[in-house]
């Protein structure tokens, strides 16, 4: 069960990062901040 939850969260974060890179807006900047707090070393927009 835990692996399903972890996979769902990872997929959700990936979708949010991709959407923030394709459509830069206020929502995108919030997404980058949220993903940055989870993956501090990664820059989703590269």
C-alpha atoms as a PDB file:
ATOM      1  CA  UNK A   1       0.000   0.000   0.000  1.00  0.00           C
ATOM      2  CA  UNK A   2       2.807   2.419   0.844  1.00  0.00           C
ATOM      3  CA  UNK A   3       4.436   1.883  -2.554  1.00  0.00           C
ATOM      4  CA  UNK A   4       1.175   2.826  -4.293  1.00  0.00           C
ATOM      5  CA  UNK A   5       0.962   6.054  -2.299  1.00  0.00           C
ATOM      6  CA  UNK A   6       4.631   6.852  -2.979  1.00  0.00           C
ATOM      7  CA  UNK A   7       4.136   6.202  -6.710  1.00  0.00           C
ATOM      8  CA  UNK A   8       1.035   8.404  -6.789  1.00  0.00           C
ATOM      9  CA  UNK A   9       2.830  11.276  -5.064  1.00  0.00           C
ATOM     10  CA  UNK A  10       5.820  10.953  -7.395  1.00  0.00           C
ATOM     11  CA  UNK A  11       3.568  10.950 -10.453  1.00  0.00           C
ATOM     12  CA  UNK A  12       1.651  13.966  -9.171  1.00  0.00           C
ATOM     13  CA  UNK A  13       4.874  15.897  -8.563  1.00  0.00           C
ATOM     14  CA  UNK A  14       6.139  15.012 -12.043  1.00  0.00           C
ATOM     15  CA  UNK A  15       2.915  16.248 -13.659  1.00  0.00           C
ATOM     16  CA  UNK A  16       3.036  19.462 -11.631  1.00  0.00           C
ATOM     17  CA  UNK A  17       6.673  20.092 -12.575  1.00  0.00           C
ATOM     18  CA  UNK A  18       5.977  19.494 -16.272  1.00  0.00           C
ATOM     19  CA  UNK A  19       2.923  21.742 -16.238  1.00  0.00           C
ATOM     20  CA  UNK A  20       4.869  24.478 -14.460  1.00  0.00           C
ATOM     21  CA  UNK A  21       7.567  24.368 -17.139  1.00  0.00           C
ATOM     22  CA  UNK A  22       5.166  24.415 -20.073  1.00  0.00           C
ATOM     23  CA  UNK A  23       2.871  27.113 -18.699  1.00  0.00           C
ATOM     24  CA  UNK A  24       4.762  29.641 -16.587  1.00  0.00           C
ATOM     25  CA  UNK A  25       2.311  31.539 -14.427  1.00  0.00           C
ATOM     26  CA  UNK A  26       1.574  32.234 -10.765  1.00  0.00           C
ATOM     27  CA  UNK A  27       0.492  28.623 -10.363  1.00  0.00           C
ATOM     28  CA  UNK A  28       3.726  27.477 -12.002  1.00  0.00           C
ATOM     29  CA  UNK A  29       5.876  29.423  -9.572  1.00  0.00           C
ATOM     30  CA  UNK A  30       3.982  27.924  -6.639  1.00  0.00           C
ATOM     31  CA  UNK A  31       4.534  24.463  -8.105  1.00  0.00           C
ATOM     32  CA  UNK A  32       8.265  25.111  -8.421  1.00  0.00           C
ATOM     33  CA  UNK A  33       8.422  26.183  -4.776  1.00  0.00           C
ATOM     34  CA  UNK A  34       6.544  23.061  -3.659  1.00  0.00           C
ATOM     35  CA  UNK A  35       8.689  20.735  -5.771  1.00  0.00           C
ATOM     36  CA  UNK A  36      11.809  22.563  -4.578  1.00  0.00           C
ATOM     37  CA  UNK A  37      10.916  21.832  -0.962  1.00  0.00           C
ATOM     38  CA  UNK A  38      10.636  18.129  -1.767  1.00  0.00           C
ATOM     39  CA  UNK A  39      13.562  17.888  -4.185  1.00  0.00           C
ATOM     40  CA  UNK A  40      15.858  20.689  -3.025  1.00  0.00           C
ATOM     41  CA  UNK A  41      18.701  19.762  -5.373  1.00  0.00           C
ATOM     42  CA  UNK A  42      16.599  19.486  -8.544  1.00  0.00           C
ATOM     43  CA  UNK A  43      15.602  22.318 -10.868  1.00  0.00           C
ATOM     44  CA  UNK A  44      12.417  21.149 -12.648  1.00  0.00           C
ATOM     45  CA  UNK A  45      12.876  23.581 -15.544  1.00  0.00           C
ATOM     46  CA  UNK A  46      16.472  22.574 -15.948  1.00  0.00           C
END
